[in-house]
Amino acid sequence: MSWIYHDSAIEGVVYTFQELRTAVDPTATVVADSSMQPVCEEIRRHREALDYVRDYAVKKRLPINLDVIKKIYLILHPEEGDLKTVRYRKDIPQHRLYFHEYAAPDKITYKVRQVVDWVNDPETRRTRSPIRLAARAHYDLLRIFPFANDSGKVARLFMNLLLLRGGYPPAIVHSTERQRYYEALKGSSATMTQIVQESIDNNLASIEKMLDTYDQKG
């Protein structure tokens, strides 16, 4: 719930505790309040994407390729069809959140492939830590902005897949870091790497605090 809350808040979508709890409740197959149905579906798709990323990360033999990025997007947007029918954006969106420059539509296919090739390059893996590699891949993907919707979520999910595969916990960028996060996208990848590192550290500190509370209760 926390992961979905913060990742959505970064995009300017703030869910209430009730919306999150209803959506993730395994017994709530039907949402009592019909007005909450679209929101719950959105949250459930987001959770399905998190499950996919966690599951894929531990299967070390599975490749990191273009299909992985498209699959994450398709889980969030099943109406797009399948891996063969999913399309990159065709125009320059007037986005109210992301103010950095995007790649021209005719350059998207080439640039996304470049990111994947860079991630898989043995030299990249030899010279960069999993944190630097994942943060840079996420930064580059968002600078391309491949999809008309949810490019931010896709880029962060892809980043966390790379982190988990590298043996690190996920980097959940806190909603309070929202402005700094957007500024980093307009600036250097080094600043983004710092945000990712801090997010991992903060998440670990939260887990330790929670475990301490459980120990004291026990």
N, C-alpha and C. Protein backbone atom coordinates (compact mmCIF):
# COMPACT_ATOMS: atom_id res chain seq x y z
N MET A 1 0.83 -1.21 0.00
CA MET A 1 0.00 0.00 0.00
C MET A 1 0.86 1.26 0.00
N SER A 2 1.92 1.22 0.80
CA SER A 2 2.82 2.38 0.90
C SER A 2 3.51 2.63 -0.44
N TRP A 3 3.97 1.57 -1.07
CA TRP A 3 4.66 1.68 -2.36
C TRP A 3 3.73 2.31 -3.39
N ILE A 4 2.52 1.78 -3.49
CA ILE A 4 1.55 2.29 -4.46
C ILE A 4 1.18 3.74 -4.14
N TYR A 5 1.00 4.03 -2.86
CA TYR A 5 0.63 5.39 -2.45
C TYR A 5 1.69 6.40 -2.91
N HIS A 6 2.95 6.15 -2.55
CA HIS A 6 4.00 7.13 -2.86
C HIS A 6 4.29 7.22 -4.35
N ASP A 7 4.29 6.07 -5.03
CA ASP A 7 4.58 6.08 -6.46
C ASP A 7 3.50 6.82 -7.25
N SER A 8 2.25 6.72 -6.79
CA SER A 8 1.15 7.43 -7.44
C SER A 8 1.16 8.91 -7.08
N ALA A 9 1.50 9.20 -5.83
CA ALA A 9 1.56 10.61 -5.39
C ALA A 9 2.62 11.39 -6.16
N ILE A 10 3.71 10.72 -6.54
CA ILE A 10 4.73 11.35 -7.37
C ILE A 10 4.10 11.84 -8.68
N GLU A 11 3.11 11.09 -9.16
CA GLU A 11 2.41 11.44 -10.40
C GLU A 11 1.27 12.43 -10.17
N GLY A 12 1.06 12.82 -8.91
CA GLY A 12 -0.01 13.77 -8.61
C GLY A 12 -1.34 13.12 -8.31
N VAL A 13 -1.36 11.78 -8.17
CA VAL A 13 -2.59 11.05 -7.85
C VAL A 13 -2.49 10.56 -6.40
N VAL A 14 -3.31 11.12 -5.53
CA VAL A 14 -3.24 10.78 -4.11
C VAL A 14 -4.44 9.91 -3.72
N TYR A 15 -4.16 8.67 -3.36
CA TYR A 15 -5.21 7.74 -2.92
C TYR A 15 -5.44 7.88 -1.42
N THR A 16 -6.67 7.67 -1.01
CA THR A 16 -6.97 7.66 0.43
C THR A 16 -6.66 6.28 0.98
N PHE A 17 -6.53 6.20 2.30
CA PHE A 17 -6.27 4.91 2.94
C PHE A 17 -7.41 3.94 2.63
N GLN A 18 -8.63 4.44 2.63
CA GLN A 18 -9.79 3.57 2.37
C GLN A 18 -9.74 2.99 0.95
N GLU A 19 -9.38 3.83 -0.01
CA GLU A 19 -9.27 3.36 -1.40
C GLU A 19 -8.21 2.27 -1.53
N LEU A 20 -7.07 2.50 -0.91
CA LEU A 20 -5.99 1.52 -0.97
C LEU A 20 -6.37 0.23 -0.27
N ARG A 21 -6.95 0.34 0.91
CA ARG A 21 -7.31 -0.84 1.68
C ARG A 21 -8.38 -1.67 0.96
N THR A 22 -9.38 -0.99 0.40
CA THR A 22 -10.43 -1.69 -0.34
C THR A 22 -9.86 -2.41 -1.55
N ALA A 23 -8.96 -1.73 -2.27
CA ALA A 23 -8.39 -2.31 -3.50
C ALA A 23 -7.52 -3.53 -3.23
N VAL A 24 -6.77 -3.50 -2.14
CA VAL A 24 -5.86 -4.63 -1.87
C VAL A 24 -6.49 -5.72 -1.01
N ASP A 25 -7.73 -5.50 -0.55
CA ASP A 25 -8.43 -6.50 0.27
C ASP A 25 -8.77 -7.71 -0.61
N PRO A 26 -8.18 -8.88 -0.31
CA PRO A 26 -8.43 -10.07 -1.16
C PRO A 26 -9.88 -10.55 -1.13
N THR A 27 -10.63 -10.15 -0.11
CA THR A 27 -12.03 -10.60 -0.01
C THR A 27 -12.99 -9.68 -0.77
N ALA A 28 -12.49 -8.48 -1.14
CA ALA A 28 -13.37 -7.50 -1.80
C ALA A 28 -13.31 -7.66 -3.32
N THR A 29 -13.94 -8.71 -3.84
CA THR A 29 -13.96 -8.91 -5.29
C THR A 29 -14.87 -7.89 -5.96
N VAL A 30 -15.91 -7.48 -5.24
CA VAL A 30 -16.81 -6.44 -5.73
C VAL A 30 -16.72 -5.25 -4.79
N VAL A 31 -16.50 -4.08 -5.35
CA VAL A 31 -16.39 -2.87 -4.53
C VAL A 31 -17.79 -2.33 -4.27
N ALA A 32 -18.13 -2.19 -2.99
CA ALA A 32 -19.48 -1.78 -2.59
C ALA A 32 -19.86 -0.42 -3.17
N ASP A 33 -18.92 0.53 -3.08
CA ASP A 33 -19.18 1.87 -3.61
C ASP A 33 -18.73 1.90 -5.07
N SER A 34 -19.67 1.94 -6.00
CA SER A 34 -19.34 1.85 -7.43
C SER A 34 -18.46 3.00 -7.91
N SER A 35 -18.55 4.15 -7.22
CA SER A 35 -17.72 5.29 -7.62
C SER A 35 -16.24 5.02 -7.38
N MET A 36 -15.95 4.06 -6.48
CA MET A 36 -14.56 3.71 -6.18
C MET A 36 -14.01 2.65 -7.13
N GLN A 37 -14.88 2.06 -7.94
CA GLN A 37 -14.46 0.95 -8.80
C GLN A 37 -13.28 1.30 -9.72
N PRO A 38 -13.34 2.42 -10.47
CA PRO A 38 -12.20 2.75 -11.36
C PRO A 38 -10.89 2.92 -10.59
N VAL A 39 -10.97 3.58 -9.44
CA VAL A 39 -9.77 3.80 -8.61
C VAL A 39 -9.21 2.46 -8.14
N CYS A 40 -10.09 1.59 -7.67
CA CYS A 40 -9.66 0.27 -7.18
C CYS A 40 -9.02 -0.55 -8.29
N GLU A 41 -9.58 -0.45 -9.48
CA GLU A 41 -9.00 -1.18 -10.63
C GLU A 41 -7.59 -0.67 -10.93
N GLU A 42 -7.42 0.65 -10.86
CA GLU A 42 -6.12 1.29 -11.09
C GLU A 42 -5.09 0.79 -10.07
N ILE A 43 -5.49 0.77 -8.80
CA ILE A 43 -4.60 0.33 -7.72
C ILE A 43 -4.26 -1.14 -7.89
N ARG A 44 -5.24 -1.96 -8.25
CA ARG A 44 -5.00 -3.39 -8.43
C ARG A 44 -4.04 -3.68 -9.59
N ARG A 45 -4.18 -2.90 -10.65
CA ARG A 45 -3.24 -3.08 -11.77
C ARG A 45 -1.82 -2.68 -11.36
N HIS A 46 -1.73 -1.62 -10.56
CA HIS A 46 -0.44 -1.19 -10.05
C HIS A 46 0.18 -2.29 -9.18
N ARG A 47 -0.64 -2.88 -8.32
CA ARG A 47 -0.13 -3.97 -7.46
C ARG A 47 0.29 -5.17 -8.31
N GLU A 48 -0.47 -5.46 -9.37
CA GLU A 48 -0.12 -6.56 -10.26
C GLU A 48 1.24 -6.31 -10.91
N ALA A 49 1.49 -5.04 -11.26
CA ALA A 49 2.79 -4.68 -11.85
C ALA A 49 3.92 -4.85 -10.83
N LEU A 50 3.66 -4.50 -9.57
CA LEU A 50 4.67 -4.71 -8.51
C LEU A 50 4.97 -6.20 -8.36
N ASP A 51 3.92 -7.02 -8.38
CA ASP A 51 4.10 -8.47 -8.26
C ASP A 51 4.92 -9.02 -9.42
N TYR A 52 4.65 -8.51 -10.61
CA TYR A 52 5.39 -8.94 -11.81
C TYR A 52 6.87 -8.61 -11.67
N VAL A 53 7.16 -7.39 -11.23
CA VAL A 53 8.54 -6.93 -11.08
C VAL A 53 9.28 -7.78 -10.03
N ARG A 54 8.64 -8.03 -8.90
CA ARG A 54 9.25 -8.84 -7.84
C ARG A 54 9.53 -10.26 -8.34
N ASP A 55 8.56 -10.82 -9.03
CA ASP A 55 8.67 -12.20 -9.50
C ASP A 55 9.74 -12.32 -10.59
N TYR A 56 9.75 -11.38 -11.52
CA TYR A 56 10.70 -11.42 -12.64
C TYR A 56 12.14 -11.24 -12.16
N ALA A 57 12.29 -10.38 -11.15
CA ALA A 57 13.64 -10.04 -10.66
C ALA A 57 14.39 -11.27 -10.13
N VAL A 58 13.67 -12.18 -9.48
CA VAL A 58 14.35 -13.34 -8.86
C VAL A 58 14.64 -14.44 -9.88
N LYS A 59 14.03 -14.36 -11.05
CA LYS A 59 14.27 -15.37 -12.09
C LYS A 59 15.43 -14.89 -12.96
N LYS A 60 16.63 -15.14 -12.46
CA LYS A 60 17.85 -14.55 -13.04
C LYS A 60 18.09 -14.94 -14.51
N ARG A 61 17.52 -16.06 -14.92
CA ARG A 61 17.76 -16.49 -16.30
C ARG A 61 16.90 -15.74 -17.32
N LEU A 62 15.85 -15.10 -16.84
CA LEU A 62 14.98 -14.35 -17.75
C LEU A 62 15.69 -13.06 -18.19
N PRO A 63 15.62 -12.72 -19.47
CA PRO A 63 16.36 -11.56 -19.98
C PRO A 63 15.71 -10.23 -19.61
N ILE A 64 16.56 -9.20 -19.56
CA ILE A 64 16.06 -7.83 -19.42
C ILE A 64 16.03 -7.26 -20.84
N ASN A 65 14.85 -7.17 -21.42
CA ASN A 65 14.74 -6.72 -22.80
C ASN A 65 13.57 -5.75 -22.98
N LEU A 66 13.31 -5.39 -24.23
CA LEU A 66 12.23 -4.44 -24.53
C LEU A 66 10.88 -4.96 -24.08
N ASP A 67 10.69 -6.28 -24.19
CA ASP A 67 9.41 -6.87 -23.82
C ASP A 67 9.09 -6.66 -22.34
N VAL A 68 10.11 -6.60 -21.50
CA VAL A 68 9.89 -6.38 -20.06
C VAL A 68 9.28 -5.00 -19.84
N ILE A 69 9.81 -3.99 -20.51
CA ILE A 69 9.29 -2.63 -20.38
C ILE A 69 7.86 -2.57 -20.89
N LYS A 70 7.62 -3.20 -22.04
CA LYS A 70 6.27 -3.20 -22.62
C LYS A 70 5.29 -3.97 -21.74
N LYS A 71 5.77 -5.06 -21.15
CA LYS A 71 4.89 -5.87 -20.29
C LYS A 71 4.45 -5.08 -19.06
N ILE A 72 5.37 -4.34 -18.45
CA ILE A 72 5.03 -3.50 -17.29
C ILE A 72 3.94 -2.51 -17.69
N TYR A 73 4.12 -1.89 -18.86
CA TYR A 73 3.13 -0.93 -19.34
C TYR A 73 1.78 -1.60 -19.59
N LEU A 74 1.81 -2.80 -20.17
CA LEU A 74 0.56 -3.52 -20.48
C LEU A 74 -0.20 -3.94 -19.23
N ILE A 75 0.52 -4.25 -18.17
CA ILE A 75 -0.17 -4.60 -16.91
C ILE A 75 -0.94 -3.37 -16.41
N LEU A 76 -0.33 -2.20 -16.54
CA LEU A 76 -0.99 -0.96 -16.12
C LEU A 76 -2.10 -0.57 -17.10
N HIS A 77 -1.93 -0.95 -18.37
CA HIS A 77 -2.90 -0.59 -19.42
C HIS A 77 -3.26 -1.80 -20.27
N PRO A 78 -4.02 -2.74 -19.71
CA PRO A 78 -4.38 -3.96 -20.45
C PRO A 78 -5.19 -3.70 -21.72
N GLU A 79 -5.82 -2.52 -21.78
CA GLU A 79 -6.62 -2.18 -22.97
C GLU A 79 -5.76 -2.01 -24.22
N GLU A 80 -4.43 -1.90 -24.02
CA GLU A 80 -3.52 -1.74 -25.16
C GLU A 80 -3.31 -3.03 -25.95
N GLY A 81 -3.83 -4.15 -25.40
CA GLY A 81 -3.76 -5.41 -26.16
C GLY A 81 -2.67 -6.34 -25.69
N ASP A 82 -1.61 -6.49 -26.51
CA ASP A 82 -0.52 -7.39 -26.14
C ASP A 82 0.82 -6.78 -26.57
N LEU A 83 1.89 -7.57 -26.40
CA LEU A 83 3.23 -7.05 -26.69
C LEU A 83 3.38 -6.60 -28.15
N LYS A 84 2.64 -7.24 -29.05
CA LYS A 84 2.75 -6.88 -30.47
C LYS A 84 1.97 -5.60 -30.81
N THR A 85 0.91 -5.33 -30.05
CA THR A 85 0.07 -4.18 -30.40
C THR A 85 0.38 -2.91 -29.61
N VAL A 86 1.15 -3.04 -28.52
CA VAL A 86 1.45 -1.85 -27.71
C VAL A 86 2.27 -0.86 -28.55
N ARG A 87 1.91 0.41 -28.43
CA ARG A 87 2.56 1.45 -29.24
C ARG A 87 3.17 2.53 -28.35
N TYR A 88 4.29 3.08 -28.81
CA TYR A 88 4.87 4.23 -28.14
C TYR A 88 4.05 5.47 -28.52
N ARG A 89 4.26 6.56 -27.77
CA ARG A 89 3.46 7.77 -28.04
C ARG A 89 3.80 8.33 -29.42
N LYS A 90 2.81 9.04 -29.98
CA LYS A 90 2.95 9.59 -31.34
C LYS A 90 3.08 11.11 -31.36
N ASP A 91 2.97 11.73 -30.19
CA ASP A 91 3.06 13.20 -30.18
C ASP A 91 3.85 13.66 -28.96
N ILE A 92 4.01 14.97 -28.83
CA ILE A 92 4.68 15.55 -27.67
C ILE A 92 3.60 15.98 -26.69
N PRO A 93 3.43 15.28 -25.58
CA PRO A 93 2.35 15.64 -24.65
C PRO A 93 2.64 16.95 -23.91
N GLN A 94 1.58 17.70 -23.66
CA GLN A 94 1.71 18.91 -22.84
C GLN A 94 1.51 18.49 -21.39
N HIS A 95 2.54 17.96 -20.78
CA HIS A 95 2.40 17.36 -19.45
C HIS A 95 2.46 18.42 -18.37
N ARG A 96 1.58 18.30 -17.41
CA ARG A 96 1.55 19.31 -16.35
C ARG A 96 2.53 19.01 -15.22
N LEU A 97 3.17 17.83 -15.28
CA LEU A 97 4.12 17.47 -14.22
C LEU A 97 5.55 17.45 -14.72
N TYR A 98 5.75 16.77 -15.84
CA TYR A 98 7.12 16.60 -16.35
C TYR A 98 7.45 17.75 -17.31
N PHE A 99 8.39 18.57 -16.90
CA PHE A 99 8.70 19.75 -17.70
C PHE A 99 10.04 19.63 -18.44
N HIS A 100 10.66 18.45 -18.36
CA HIS A 100 11.90 18.29 -19.11
C HIS A 100 11.56 18.01 -20.58
N GLU A 101 12.56 18.08 -21.43
CA GLU A 101 12.32 17.82 -22.86
C GLU A 101 12.20 16.32 -23.11
N TYR A 102 11.28 15.95 -23.99
CA TYR A 102 11.08 14.54 -24.33
C TYR A 102 11.74 14.23 -25.68
N ALA A 103 11.94 12.94 -25.92
CA ALA A 103 12.44 12.51 -27.23
C ALA A 103 11.35 12.71 -28.27
N ALA A 104 11.76 13.04 -29.49
CA ALA A 104 10.79 13.14 -30.59
C ALA A 104 10.18 11.76 -30.83
N PRO A 105 8.88 11.69 -31.16
CA PRO A 105 8.22 10.39 -31.35
C PRO A 105 8.96 9.42 -32.28
N ASP A 106 9.55 9.95 -33.37
CA ASP A 106 10.23 9.05 -34.33
C ASP A 106 11.57 8.52 -33.81
N LYS A 107 12.00 9.02 -32.65
CA LYS A 107 13.28 8.57 -32.08
C LYS A 107 13.07 7.59 -30.90
N ILE A 108 11.82 7.42 -30.47
CA ILE A 108 11.54 6.65 -29.25
C ILE A 108 12.02 5.20 -29.36
N THR A 109 11.65 4.51 -30.44
CA THR A 109 12.00 3.09 -30.60
C THR A 109 13.51 2.90 -30.48
N TYR A 110 14.26 3.72 -31.19
CA TYR A 110 15.72 3.63 -31.18
C TYR A 110 16.29 3.92 -29.78
N LYS A 111 15.77 4.96 -29.14
CA LYS A 111 16.32 5.37 -27.85
C LYS A 111 16.00 4.37 -26.73
N VAL A 112 14.80 3.79 -26.74
CA VAL A 112 14.47 2.79 -25.73
C VAL A 112 15.36 1.56 -25.91
N ARG A 113 15.59 1.18 -27.17
CA ARG A 113 16.49 0.05 -27.43
C ARG A 113 17.91 0.36 -26.94
N GLN A 114 18.31 1.61 -27.09
CA GLN A 114 19.63 2.04 -26.61
C GLN A 114 19.76 1.83 -25.09
N VAL A 115 18.71 2.19 -24.35
CA VAL A 115 18.71 2.03 -22.89
C VAL A 115 18.86 0.56 -22.53
N VAL A 116 18.08 -0.30 -23.18
CA VAL A 116 18.14 -1.75 -22.89
C VAL A 116 19.51 -2.31 -23.23
N ASP A 117 20.07 -1.91 -24.38
CA ASP A 117 21.40 -2.38 -24.78
C ASP A 117 22.45 -1.94 -23.77
N TRP A 118 22.33 -0.70 -23.29
CA TRP A 118 23.27 -0.16 -22.31
C TRP A 118 23.19 -0.95 -21.00
N VAL A 119 21.97 -1.25 -20.56
CA VAL A 119 21.77 -2.03 -19.32
C VAL A 119 22.44 -3.40 -19.43
N ASN A 120 22.36 -4.01 -20.62
CA ASN A 120 22.88 -5.36 -20.80
C ASN A 120 24.35 -5.42 -21.20
N ASP A 121 24.93 -4.27 -21.47
CA ASP A 121 26.34 -4.23 -21.87
C ASP A 121 27.24 -4.68 -20.71
N PRO A 122 28.11 -5.69 -20.93
CA PRO A 122 28.99 -6.17 -19.86
C PRO A 122 29.84 -5.06 -19.24
N GLU A 123 30.22 -4.09 -20.07
CA GLU A 123 31.04 -2.97 -19.58
C GLU A 123 30.24 -2.12 -18.57
N THR A 124 28.95 -1.91 -18.85
CA THR A 124 28.08 -1.16 -17.93
C THR A 124 28.01 -1.87 -16.60
N ARG A 125 27.81 -3.17 -16.65
CA ARG A 125 27.66 -3.96 -15.42
C ARG A 125 28.97 -4.05 -14.64
N ARG A 126 30.07 -3.98 -15.36
CA ARG A 126 31.38 -4.07 -14.71
C ARG A 126 31.76 -2.78 -14.00
N THR A 127 31.34 -1.65 -14.59
CA THR A 127 31.81 -0.35 -14.08
C THR A 127 30.80 0.39 -13.21
N ARG A 128 29.57 -0.14 -13.11
CA ARG A 128 28.55 0.57 -12.33
C ARG A 128 27.90 -0.35 -11.30
N SER A 129 27.61 0.20 -10.14
CA SER A 129 26.89 -0.55 -9.12
C SER A 129 25.44 -0.71 -9.58
N PRO A 130 24.71 -1.71 -9.03
CA PRO A 130 23.30 -1.87 -9.40
C PRO A 130 22.48 -0.60 -9.17
N ILE A 131 22.84 0.18 -8.13
CA ILE A 131 22.08 1.42 -7.87
C ILE A 131 22.31 2.44 -8.98
N ARG A 132 23.56 2.63 -9.34
CA ARG A 132 23.86 3.60 -10.41
C ARG A 132 23.26 3.15 -11.74
N LEU A 133 23.33 1.86 -12.00
CA LEU A 133 22.79 1.33 -13.26
C LEU A 133 21.27 1.52 -13.32
N ALA A 134 20.58 1.14 -12.24
CA ALA A 134 19.12 1.21 -12.22
C ALA A 134 18.63 2.66 -12.27
N ALA A 135 19.29 3.53 -11.50
CA ALA A 135 18.90 4.94 -11.47
C ALA A 135 19.08 5.60 -12.83
N ARG A 136 20.19 5.27 -13.51
CA ARG A 136 20.46 5.85 -14.83
C ARG A 136 19.47 5.33 -15.87
N ALA A 137 19.15 4.03 -15.82
CA ALA A 137 18.19 3.46 -16.77
C ALA A 137 16.83 4.14 -16.62
N HIS A 138 16.43 4.36 -15.37
CA HIS A 138 15.16 5.03 -15.07
C HIS A 138 15.17 6.48 -15.56
N TYR A 139 16.26 7.17 -15.30
CA TYR A 139 16.43 8.57 -15.73
C TYR A 139 16.35 8.66 -17.25
N ASP A 140 17.08 7.79 -17.94
CA ASP A 140 17.10 7.83 -19.41
C ASP A 140 15.73 7.49 -20.00
N LEU A 141 15.06 6.50 -19.40
CA LEU A 141 13.72 6.13 -19.89
C LEU A 141 12.73 7.29 -19.75
N LEU A 142 12.81 7.96 -18.62
CA LEU A 142 11.88 9.08 -18.40
C LEU A 142 12.21 10.28 -19.28
N ARG A 143 13.47 10.42 -19.63
CA ARG A 143 13.86 11.50 -20.54
C ARG A 143 13.34 11.19 -21.97
N ILE A 144 13.16 9.91 -22.26
CA ILE A 144 12.56 9.51 -23.54
C ILE A 144 11.04 9.67 -23.48
N PHE A 145 10.46 9.28 -22.34
CA PHE A 145 9.01 9.34 -22.11
C PHE A 145 8.28 8.54 -23.19
N PRO A 146 8.48 7.21 -23.20
CA PRO A 146 8.01 6.40 -24.33
C PRO A 146 6.50 6.30 -24.52
N PHE A 147 5.75 6.36 -23.41
CA PHE A 147 4.30 6.14 -23.52
C PHE A 147 3.53 7.43 -23.21
N ALA A 148 2.36 7.53 -23.78
CA ALA A 148 1.53 8.72 -23.55
C ALA A 148 1.07 8.79 -22.10
N ASN A 149 0.88 7.62 -21.47
CA ASN A 149 0.44 7.56 -20.07
C ASN A 149 1.37 6.67 -19.25
N ASP A 150 1.59 7.09 -18.02
CA ASP A 150 2.31 6.27 -17.03
C ASP A 150 3.75 5.92 -17.37
N SER A 151 4.41 6.77 -18.16
CA SER A 151 5.84 6.53 -18.42
C SER A 151 6.64 6.59 -17.11
N GLY A 152 6.21 7.47 -16.19
CA GLY A 152 6.89 7.59 -14.90
C GLY A 152 6.80 6.31 -14.09
N LYS A 153 5.59 5.77 -13.98
CA LYS A 153 5.41 4.52 -13.24
C LYS A 153 6.21 3.39 -13.87
N VAL A 154 6.16 3.31 -15.20
CA VAL A 154 6.89 2.24 -15.91
C VAL A 154 8.39 2.36 -15.65
N ALA A 155 8.92 3.57 -15.74
CA ALA A 155 10.36 3.78 -15.54
C ALA A 155 10.79 3.42 -14.11
N ARG A 156 9.95 3.77 -13.12
CA ARG A 156 10.31 3.45 -11.73
C ARG A 156 10.17 1.95 -11.45
N LEU A 157 9.17 1.32 -12.05
CA LEU A 157 9.01 -0.14 -11.89
C LEU A 157 10.19 -0.87 -12.53
N PHE A 158 10.61 -0.40 -13.70
CA PHE A 158 11.76 -1.00 -14.38
C PHE A 158 13.02 -0.82 -13.54
N MET A 159 13.19 0.38 -12.98
CA MET A 159 14.33 0.65 -12.10
C MET A 159 14.34 -0.32 -10.92
N ASN A 160 13.17 -0.54 -10.31
CA ASN A 160 13.11 -1.41 -9.14
C ASN A 160 13.31 -2.87 -9.50
N LEU A 161 12.91 -3.25 -10.71
CA LEU A 161 13.22 -4.61 -11.17
C LEU A 161 14.74 -4.80 -11.22
N LEU A 162 15.44 -3.80 -11.77
CA LEU A 162 16.91 -3.88 -11.86
C LEU A 162 17.55 -3.88 -10.47
N LEU A 163 17.02 -3.09 -9.56
CA LEU A 163 17.55 -3.05 -8.19
C LEU A 163 17.36 -4.39 -7.49
N LEU A 164 16.14 -4.94 -7.59
CA LEU A 164 15.85 -6.22 -6.94
C LEU A 164 16.72 -7.33 -7.52
N ARG A 165 16.90 -7.31 -8.83
CA ARG A 165 17.76 -8.33 -9.46
C ARG A 165 19.21 -8.17 -9.02
N GLY A 166 19.60 -6.95 -8.72
CA GLY A 166 20.97 -6.69 -8.25
C GLY A 166 21.15 -6.95 -6.76
N GLY A 167 20.08 -7.43 -6.10
CA GLY A 167 20.18 -7.76 -4.67
C GLY A 167 19.88 -6.62 -3.74
N TYR A 168 19.30 -5.56 -4.27
CA TYR A 168 18.95 -4.38 -3.45
C TYR A 168 17.45 -4.33 -3.18
N PRO A 169 17.05 -3.65 -2.11
CA PRO A 169 15.61 -3.43 -1.90
C PRO A 169 15.12 -2.37 -2.88
N PRO A 170 13.80 -2.26 -3.07
CA PRO A 170 13.29 -1.25 -4.00
C PRO A 170 13.52 0.17 -3.51
N ALA A 171 13.60 1.08 -4.46
CA ALA A 171 13.70 2.51 -4.14
C ALA A 171 12.32 3.11 -4.33
N ILE A 172 11.64 3.38 -3.23
CA ILE A 172 10.31 3.99 -3.29
C ILE A 172 10.47 5.47 -3.00
N VAL A 173 10.38 6.27 -4.05
CA VAL A 173 10.59 7.72 -3.88
C VAL A 173 9.40 8.30 -3.12
N HIS A 174 9.68 8.90 -1.97
CA HIS A 174 8.64 9.41 -1.09
C HIS A 174 7.93 10.61 -1.74
N SER A 175 6.64 10.72 -1.45
CA SER A 175 5.84 11.82 -2.04
C SER A 175 6.39 13.19 -1.68
N THR A 176 7.05 13.30 -0.52
CA THR A 176 7.62 14.60 -0.11
C THR A 176 8.81 15.00 -0.98
N GLU A 177 9.35 14.03 -1.75
CA GLU A 177 10.50 14.30 -2.62
C GLU A 177 10.06 14.67 -4.04
N ARG A 178 8.78 14.85 -4.21
CA ARG A 178 8.21 15.03 -5.54
C ARG A 178 8.87 16.15 -6.34
N GLN A 179 8.96 17.33 -5.74
CA GLN A 179 9.53 18.48 -6.44
C GLN A 179 10.99 18.24 -6.79
N ARG A 180 11.72 17.69 -5.84
CA ARG A 180 13.14 17.40 -6.06
C ARG A 180 13.33 16.37 -7.18
N TYR A 181 12.42 15.42 -7.20
CA TYR A 181 12.46 14.37 -8.23
C TYR A 181 12.30 14.98 -9.62
N TYR A 182 11.33 15.87 -9.79
CA TYR A 182 11.11 16.49 -11.09
C TYR A 182 12.27 17.40 -11.49
N GLU A 183 12.85 18.07 -10.49
CA GLU A 183 14.01 18.93 -10.78
C GLU A 183 15.18 18.08 -11.26
N ALA A 184 15.33 16.90 -10.66
CA ALA A 184 16.43 16.00 -11.04
C ALA A 184 16.29 15.55 -12.50
N LEU A 185 15.06 15.37 -12.95
CA LEU A 185 14.84 14.95 -14.34
C LEU A 185 15.23 16.05 -15.32
N LYS A 186 15.17 17.29 -14.86
CA LYS A 186 15.60 18.41 -15.71
C LYS A 186 17.11 18.61 -15.60
N GLY A 187 17.71 18.02 -14.57
CA GLY A 187 19.14 18.19 -14.34
C GLY A 187 19.95 16.96 -14.71
N SER A 188 20.88 16.59 -13.83
CA SER A 188 21.80 15.51 -14.16
C SER A 188 21.34 14.17 -13.58
N SER A 189 21.83 13.10 -14.18
CA SER A 189 21.48 11.75 -13.70
C SER A 189 22.12 11.50 -12.33
N ALA A 190 23.20 12.24 -12.02
CA ALA A 190 23.87 12.05 -10.72
C ALA A 190 22.93 12.43 -9.57
N THR A 191 22.14 13.50 -9.75
CA THR A 191 21.18 13.90 -8.73
C THR A 191 20.11 12.84 -8.55
N MET A 192 19.67 12.25 -9.66
CA MET A 192 18.66 11.19 -9.59
C MET A 192 19.22 9.97 -8.85
N THR A 193 20.47 9.64 -9.11
CA THR A 193 21.10 8.52 -8.41
C THR A 193 21.11 8.76 -6.91
N GLN A 194 21.38 10.00 -6.51
CA GLN A 194 21.38 10.37 -5.09
C GLN A 194 19.99 10.17 -4.48
N ILE A 195 18.95 10.58 -5.20
CA ILE A 195 17.57 10.41 -4.72
C ILE A 195 17.24 8.93 -4.56
N VAL A 196 17.66 8.14 -5.52
CA VAL A 196 17.41 6.68 -5.48
C VAL A 196 18.12 6.06 -4.28
N GLN A 197 19.39 6.44 -4.07
CA GLN A 197 20.15 5.92 -2.92
C GLN A 197 19.46 6.30 -1.60
N GLU A 198 19.05 7.55 -1.49
CA GLU A 198 18.38 8.01 -0.26
C GLU A 198 17.05 7.28 -0.05
N SER A 199 16.33 7.01 -1.14
CA SER A 199 15.04 6.31 -1.06
C SER A 199 15.24 4.90 -0.51
N ILE A 200 16.29 4.23 -0.98
CA ILE A 200 16.60 2.88 -0.48
C ILE A 200 16.93 2.95 1.01
N ASP A 201 17.79 3.90 1.38
CA ASP A 201 18.19 4.05 2.79
C ASP A 201 16.98 4.34 3.68
N ASN A 202 16.10 5.23 3.21
CA ASN A 202 14.91 5.58 4.01
C ASN A 202 13.97 4.40 4.15
N ASN A 203 13.82 3.63 3.08
CA ASN A 203 12.94 2.47 3.14
C ASN A 203 13.48 1.42 4.11
N LEU A 204 14.79 1.22 4.09
CA LEU A 204 15.41 0.27 5.02
C LEU A 204 15.24 0.75 6.46
N ALA A 205 15.39 2.06 6.68
CA ALA A 205 15.22 2.62 8.02
C ALA A 205 13.79 2.42 8.52
N SER A 206 12.82 2.56 7.61
CA SER A 206 11.41 2.35 7.98
C SER A 206 11.15 0.90 8.37
N ILE A 207 11.76 -0.02 7.61
CA ILE A 207 11.58 -1.45 7.91
C ILE A 207 12.21 -1.78 9.27
N GLU A 208 13.40 -1.24 9.51
CA GLU A 208 14.07 -1.49 10.80
C GLU A 208 13.23 -0.96 11.96
N LYS A 209 12.66 0.21 11.77
CA LYS A 209 11.82 0.82 12.80
C LYS A 209 10.59 -0.05 13.07
N MET A 210 10.00 -0.57 11.99
CA MET A 210 8.82 -1.41 12.12
C MET A 210 9.18 -2.72 12.86
N LEU A 211 10.32 -3.29 12.50
CA LEU A 211 10.76 -4.53 13.15
C LEU A 211 11.05 -4.31 14.63
N ASP A 212 11.64 -3.16 14.94
CA ASP A 212 11.91 -2.81 16.35
C ASP A 212 10.61 -2.73 17.14
N THR A 213 9.58 -2.16 16.51
CA THR A 213 8.27 -2.04 17.17
C THR A 213 7.70 -3.42 17.45
N TYR A 214 7.82 -4.32 16.48
CA TYR A 214 7.34 -5.68 16.67
C TYR A 214 8.08 -6.40 17.79
N ASP A 215 9.41 -6.16 17.83
CA ASP A 215 10.23 -6.79 18.89
C ASP A 215 9.80 -6.32 20.27
N GLN A 216 9.54 -5.01 20.36
CA GLN A 216 9.12 -4.46 21.66
C GLN A 216 7.77 -5.00 22.09
N LYS A 217 6.87 -5.19 21.13
CA LYS A 217 5.56 -5.76 21.44
C LYS A 217 5.68 -7.22 21.86
N GLY A 218 6.62 -7.92 21.18
CA GLY A 218 6.81 -9.33 21.49
C GLY A 218 7.44 -9.53 22.85
